[in-house]
Amino acid sequence: MDTEIQKYIDERVEKRVAEILAQREHAHTSRPKRLALVASKGSLDMAYPPLILASTAVSMGWEVGVFFTFYGLDIVNKNKLPTLKVAPIGNPAMPAPISSAYCQA
């Protein structure tokens, strides 16, 4: 192949690659940062994580959506809010249930 043709091809390829990289960089930086969270459990200890993550992301300028599904709807239901409890399962701060057989003197 003639050196002039090869030089022309190389220049065109380099120019096109630079254009594509610039477009990708612009698309990456111009996209808004978004976060979607799902709250699916209705206990107090499971209510905190999505709400804390959402408020932190908002304070950093992110766009946030929290979707409350299944028992997670209890978190935003005014009638259920007073009855929310901390789940005792897997919670080391909760006392272990004691059987009545062990309480006999």
N, C-alpha and C. Protein backbone atom coordinates (compact mmCIF):
# COMPACT_ATOMS: atom_id res chain seq x y z
N MET A 1 0.85 -1.16 0.00
CA MET A 1 0.00 0.00 0.00
C MET A 1 0.91 1.23 0.00
N ASP A 2 0.45 2.23 -0.68
CA ASP A 2 1.20 3.47 -0.78
C ASP A 2 1.31 4.13 0.59
N THR A 3 2.42 4.74 0.91
CA THR A 3 2.62 5.36 2.22
C THR A 3 1.66 6.52 2.46
N GLU A 4 1.29 7.24 1.41
CA GLU A 4 0.34 8.35 1.57
C GLU A 4 -1.04 7.83 1.96
N ILE A 5 -1.44 6.73 1.36
CA ILE A 5 -2.74 6.13 1.69
C ILE A 5 -2.72 5.62 3.13
N GLN A 6 -1.63 4.95 3.50
CA GLN A 6 -1.51 4.44 4.87
C GLN A 6 -1.54 5.59 5.88
N LYS A 7 -0.86 6.68 5.56
CA LYS A 7 -0.84 7.85 6.44
C LYS A 7 -2.24 8.44 6.56
N TYR A 8 -2.96 8.52 5.45
CA TYR A 8 -4.32 9.06 5.45
C TYR A 8 -5.24 8.18 6.30
N ILE A 9 -5.13 6.88 6.14
CA ILE A 9 -5.95 5.94 6.91
C ILE A 9 -5.65 6.07 8.41
N ASP A 10 -4.37 6.12 8.76
CA ASP A 10 -3.99 6.26 10.17
C ASP A 10 -4.53 7.55 10.78
N GLU A 11 -4.44 8.65 10.03
CA GLU A 11 -4.96 9.93 10.52
C GLU A 11 -6.47 9.86 10.75
N ARG A 12 -7.18 9.28 9.79
CA ARG A 12 -8.64 9.17 9.91
C ARG A 12 -9.03 8.29 11.10
N VAL A 13 -8.33 7.18 11.27
CA VAL A 13 -8.64 6.27 12.38
C VAL A 13 -8.36 6.97 13.71
N GLU A 14 -7.22 7.64 13.84
CA GLU A 14 -6.90 8.34 15.08
C GLU A 14 -7.92 9.44 15.37
N LYS A 15 -8.33 10.16 14.34
CA LYS A 15 -9.32 11.23 14.52
C LYS A 15 -10.65 10.66 14.99
N ARG A 16 -11.08 9.56 14.36
CA ARG A 16 -12.36 8.95 14.73
C ARG A 16 -12.32 8.37 16.14
N VAL A 17 -11.22 7.73 16.49
CA VAL A 17 -11.08 7.18 17.84
C VAL A 17 -11.12 8.30 18.87
N ALA A 18 -10.46 9.42 18.60
CA ALA A 18 -10.48 10.56 19.52
C ALA A 18 -11.90 11.11 19.66
N GLU A 19 -12.66 11.18 18.57
CA GLU A 19 -14.05 11.65 18.63
C GLU A 19 -14.91 10.73 19.48
N ILE A 20 -14.76 9.44 19.28
CA ILE A 20 -15.56 8.46 20.03
C ILE A 20 -15.22 8.53 21.52
N LEU A 21 -13.94 8.62 21.84
CA LEU A 21 -13.54 8.72 23.25
C LEU A 21 -14.06 10.00 23.89
N ALA A 22 -14.06 11.11 23.15
CA ALA A 22 -14.59 12.37 23.68
C ALA A 22 -16.09 12.26 23.92
N GLN A 23 -16.81 11.61 23.00
CA GLN A 23 -18.25 11.42 23.17
C GLN A 23 -18.55 10.56 24.40
N ARG A 24 -17.79 9.50 24.57
CA ARG A 24 -18.01 8.62 25.72
C ARG A 24 -17.71 9.34 27.03
N GLU A 25 -16.65 10.14 27.05
CA GLU A 25 -16.30 10.89 28.26
C GLU A 25 -17.39 11.90 28.59
N HIS A 26 -17.90 12.58 27.57
CA HIS A 26 -18.97 13.56 27.79
C HIS A 26 -20.23 12.87 28.30
N ALA A 27 -20.58 11.74 27.71
CA ALA A 27 -21.78 11.01 28.14
C ALA A 27 -21.62 10.52 29.58
N HIS A 28 -20.42 10.12 29.94
CA HIS A 28 -20.17 9.61 31.30
C HIS A 28 -20.26 10.72 32.34
N THR A 29 -19.75 11.89 32.02
CA THR A 29 -19.75 12.99 33.00
C THR A 29 -21.05 13.76 33.02
N SER A 30 -21.82 13.73 31.95
CA SER A 30 -23.05 14.52 31.90
C SER A 30 -24.26 13.78 32.45
N ARG A 31 -24.13 12.49 32.69
CA ARG A 31 -25.24 11.70 33.22
C ARG A 31 -25.47 12.02 34.68
N PRO A 32 -26.72 12.24 35.10
CA PRO A 32 -26.96 12.49 36.53
C PRO A 32 -26.77 11.20 37.33
N LYS A 33 -26.31 11.35 38.54
CA LYS A 33 -26.12 10.19 39.41
C LYS A 33 -27.46 9.87 40.05
N ARG A 34 -27.87 8.62 39.92
CA ARG A 34 -29.17 8.19 40.43
C ARG A 34 -29.01 6.95 41.29
N LEU A 35 -29.93 6.82 42.24
CA LEU A 35 -29.92 5.66 43.13
C LEU A 35 -31.36 5.23 43.37
N ALA A 36 -31.62 3.95 43.21
CA ALA A 36 -32.94 3.39 43.51
C ALA A 36 -32.77 2.38 44.64
N LEU A 37 -33.58 2.53 45.67
CA LEU A 37 -33.53 1.63 46.83
C LEU A 37 -34.89 0.97 47.00
N VAL A 38 -34.87 -0.25 47.51
CA VAL A 38 -36.11 -0.98 47.77
C VAL A 38 -36.18 -1.29 49.26
N ALA A 39 -37.25 -0.85 49.90
CA ALA A 39 -37.51 -1.18 51.30
C ALA A 39 -38.59 -2.24 51.32
N SER A 40 -38.22 -3.47 51.65
CA SER A 40 -39.18 -4.58 51.56
C SER A 40 -39.49 -5.22 52.90
N LYS A 41 -38.90 -4.72 53.98
CA LYS A 41 -39.16 -5.30 55.29
C LYS A 41 -39.72 -4.23 56.20
N GLY A 42 -40.66 -4.60 57.05
CA GLY A 42 -41.36 -3.63 57.87
C GLY A 42 -40.96 -3.59 59.32
N SER A 43 -39.72 -3.92 59.63
CA SER A 43 -39.26 -3.79 61.02
C SER A 43 -38.37 -2.56 61.12
N LEU A 44 -38.22 -2.06 62.33
CA LEU A 44 -37.42 -0.84 62.52
C LEU A 44 -35.98 -1.01 62.06
N ASP A 45 -35.37 -2.15 62.37
CA ASP A 45 -33.98 -2.33 61.99
C ASP A 45 -33.79 -2.43 60.47
N MET A 46 -34.84 -2.77 59.74
CA MET A 46 -34.76 -2.81 58.28
C MET A 46 -35.27 -1.52 57.64
N ALA A 47 -35.82 -0.62 58.45
CA ALA A 47 -36.28 0.67 57.93
C ALA A 47 -35.11 1.65 57.83
N TYR A 48 -34.15 1.54 58.72
CA TYR A 48 -33.05 2.49 58.74
C TYR A 48 -32.14 2.44 57.51
N PRO A 49 -31.66 1.28 57.05
CA PRO A 49 -30.70 1.28 55.95
C PRO A 49 -31.16 2.03 54.69
N PRO A 50 -32.35 1.76 54.13
CA PRO A 50 -32.70 2.51 52.92
C PRO A 50 -32.88 4.00 53.17
N LEU A 51 -33.37 4.37 54.35
CA LEU A 51 -33.58 5.78 54.64
C LEU A 51 -32.25 6.50 54.87
N ILE A 52 -31.31 5.86 55.53
CA ILE A 52 -30.00 6.47 55.74
C ILE A 52 -29.25 6.58 54.42
N LEU A 53 -29.28 5.51 53.62
CA LEU A 53 -28.62 5.57 52.31
C LEU A 53 -29.23 6.64 51.42
N ALA A 54 -30.56 6.76 51.45
CA ALA A 54 -31.23 7.77 50.62
C ALA A 54 -30.85 9.18 51.05
N SER A 55 -30.86 9.45 52.35
CA SER A 55 -30.53 10.81 52.81
C SER A 55 -29.06 11.14 52.54
N THR A 56 -28.18 10.14 52.64
CA THR A 56 -26.77 10.37 52.33
C THR A 56 -26.57 10.68 50.86
N ALA A 57 -27.23 9.91 49.99
CA ALA A 57 -27.10 10.14 48.55
C ALA A 57 -27.66 11.51 48.16
N VAL A 58 -28.77 11.91 48.75
CA VAL A 58 -29.35 13.22 48.45
C VAL A 58 -28.39 14.33 48.88
N SER A 59 -27.75 14.16 50.03
CA SER A 59 -26.81 15.18 50.50
C SER A 59 -25.59 15.29 49.59
N MET A 60 -25.30 14.22 48.83
CA MET A 60 -24.19 14.25 47.87
C MET A 60 -24.64 14.71 46.49
N GLY A 61 -25.91 15.10 46.36
CA GLY A 61 -26.40 15.62 45.09
C GLY A 61 -26.96 14.57 44.15
N TRP A 62 -27.20 13.37 44.63
CA TRP A 62 -27.75 12.31 43.79
C TRP A 62 -29.27 12.43 43.74
N GLU A 63 -29.83 11.87 42.69
CA GLU A 63 -31.28 11.75 42.56
C GLU A 63 -31.67 10.38 43.12
N VAL A 64 -32.59 10.36 44.10
CA VAL A 64 -32.87 9.11 44.82
C VAL A 64 -34.36 8.78 44.77
N GLY A 65 -34.64 7.50 44.62
CA GLY A 65 -36.01 7.00 44.72
C GLY A 65 -36.02 5.80 45.66
N VAL A 66 -36.94 5.81 46.61
CA VAL A 66 -37.10 4.67 47.53
C VAL A 66 -38.44 4.03 47.23
N PHE A 67 -38.41 2.76 46.93
CA PHE A 67 -39.63 2.01 46.62
C PHE A 67 -39.98 1.13 47.82
N PHE A 68 -41.16 1.33 48.36
CA PHE A 68 -41.62 0.56 49.52
C PHE A 68 -42.53 -0.55 49.01
N THR A 69 -42.11 -1.80 49.22
CA THR A 69 -42.88 -2.94 48.73
C THR A 69 -43.16 -3.91 49.87
N PHE A 70 -44.17 -4.72 49.68
CA PHE A 70 -44.54 -5.75 50.64
C PHE A 70 -44.65 -5.18 52.05
N TYR A 71 -43.91 -5.75 53.00
CA TYR A 71 -43.98 -5.27 54.38
C TYR A 71 -43.28 -3.92 54.56
N GLY A 72 -42.49 -3.51 53.58
CA GLY A 72 -41.86 -2.20 53.63
C GLY A 72 -42.86 -1.07 53.61
N LEU A 73 -44.07 -1.35 53.14
CA LEU A 73 -45.13 -0.34 53.16
C LEU A 73 -45.52 0.04 54.59
N ASP A 74 -45.25 -0.86 55.54
CA ASP A 74 -45.55 -0.55 56.95
C ASP A 74 -44.75 0.66 57.44
N ILE A 75 -43.59 0.90 56.85
CA ILE A 75 -42.74 2.01 57.26
C ILE A 75 -43.41 3.35 56.98
N VAL A 76 -44.18 3.44 55.91
CA VAL A 76 -44.81 4.72 55.53
C VAL A 76 -46.31 4.74 55.81
N ASN A 77 -46.85 3.69 56.41
CA ASN A 77 -48.27 3.63 56.74
C ASN A 77 -48.48 4.22 58.14
N LYS A 78 -49.26 5.30 58.23
CA LYS A 78 -49.47 5.97 59.52
C LYS A 78 -50.08 5.05 60.56
N ASN A 79 -50.95 4.15 60.15
CA ASN A 79 -51.60 3.24 61.10
C ASN A 79 -50.65 2.17 61.62
N LYS A 80 -49.69 1.75 60.80
CA LYS A 80 -48.76 0.69 61.20
C LYS A 80 -47.51 1.23 61.90
N LEU A 81 -47.22 2.50 61.71
CA LEU A 81 -45.99 3.08 62.26
C LEU A 81 -45.83 2.88 63.76
N PRO A 82 -46.87 3.09 64.58
CA PRO A 82 -46.69 2.90 66.04
C PRO A 82 -46.39 1.45 66.44
N THR A 83 -46.74 0.50 65.59
CA THR A 83 -46.54 -0.91 65.95
C THR A 83 -45.27 -1.51 65.37
N LEU A 84 -44.42 -0.72 64.72
CA LEU A 84 -43.17 -1.26 64.20
C LEU A 84 -42.28 -1.69 65.35
N LYS A 85 -41.65 -2.83 65.19
CA LYS A 85 -40.79 -3.38 66.24
C LYS A 85 -39.44 -3.75 65.66
N VAL A 86 -38.47 -3.92 66.54
CA VAL A 86 -37.17 -4.42 66.13
C VAL A 86 -37.27 -5.94 66.07
N ALA A 87 -36.86 -6.52 64.96
CA ALA A 87 -36.94 -7.97 64.80
C ALA A 87 -35.92 -8.65 65.71
N PRO A 88 -36.35 -9.62 66.54
CA PRO A 88 -35.41 -10.27 67.47
C PRO A 88 -34.51 -11.30 66.79
N ILE A 89 -34.86 -11.76 65.61
CA ILE A 89 -34.08 -12.81 64.94
C ILE A 89 -32.77 -12.23 64.42
N GLY A 90 -31.67 -12.81 64.82
CA GLY A 90 -30.36 -12.39 64.36
C GLY A 90 -29.90 -11.06 64.92
N ASN A 91 -30.54 -10.58 65.96
CA ASN A 91 -30.17 -9.30 66.55
C ASN A 91 -29.46 -9.59 67.88
N PRO A 92 -28.15 -9.38 67.96
CA PRO A 92 -27.43 -9.72 69.19
C PRO A 92 -27.80 -8.85 70.38
N ALA A 93 -28.44 -7.72 70.16
CA ALA A 93 -28.82 -6.84 71.27
C ALA A 93 -30.12 -7.29 71.94
N MET A 94 -30.86 -8.17 71.30
CA MET A 94 -32.13 -8.63 71.86
C MET A 94 -31.88 -9.82 72.79
N PRO A 95 -32.57 -9.88 73.91
CA PRO A 95 -32.40 -11.03 74.81
C PRO A 95 -32.96 -12.30 74.17
N ALA A 96 -32.32 -13.40 74.46
CA ALA A 96 -32.78 -14.68 73.92
C ALA A 96 -34.07 -15.09 74.62
N PRO A 97 -35.03 -15.63 73.88
CA PRO A 97 -36.26 -16.09 74.52
C PRO A 97 -35.96 -17.29 75.42
N ILE A 98 -36.57 -17.30 76.58
CA ILE A 98 -36.35 -18.37 77.55
C ILE A 98 -37.62 -19.20 77.65
N SER A 99 -37.46 -20.50 77.53
CA SER A 99 -38.59 -21.41 77.62
C SER A 99 -39.12 -21.45 79.05
N SER A 100 -40.42 -21.67 79.19
CA SER A 100 -41.02 -21.74 80.53
C SER A 100 -40.50 -22.94 81.31
N ALA A 101 -39.97 -23.96 80.64
CA ALA A 101 -39.42 -25.14 81.32
C ALA A 101 -38.19 -24.77 82.14
N TYR A 102 -37.44 -23.77 81.71
CA TYR A 102 -36.24 -23.35 82.43
C TYR A 102 -36.55 -22.40 83.58
N CYS A 103 -37.74 -21.85 83.60
CA CYS A 103 -38.11 -20.87 84.63
C CYS A 103 -38.67 -21.52 85.88
N GLN A 104 -38.88 -22.83 85.90
CA GLN A 104 -39.44 -23.50 87.08
C GLN A 104 -38.37 -23.64 88.15
N ALA A 105 -38.75 -23.37 89.37
CA ALA A 105 -37.78 -23.44 90.47
C ALA A 105 -37.78 -24.78 91.14
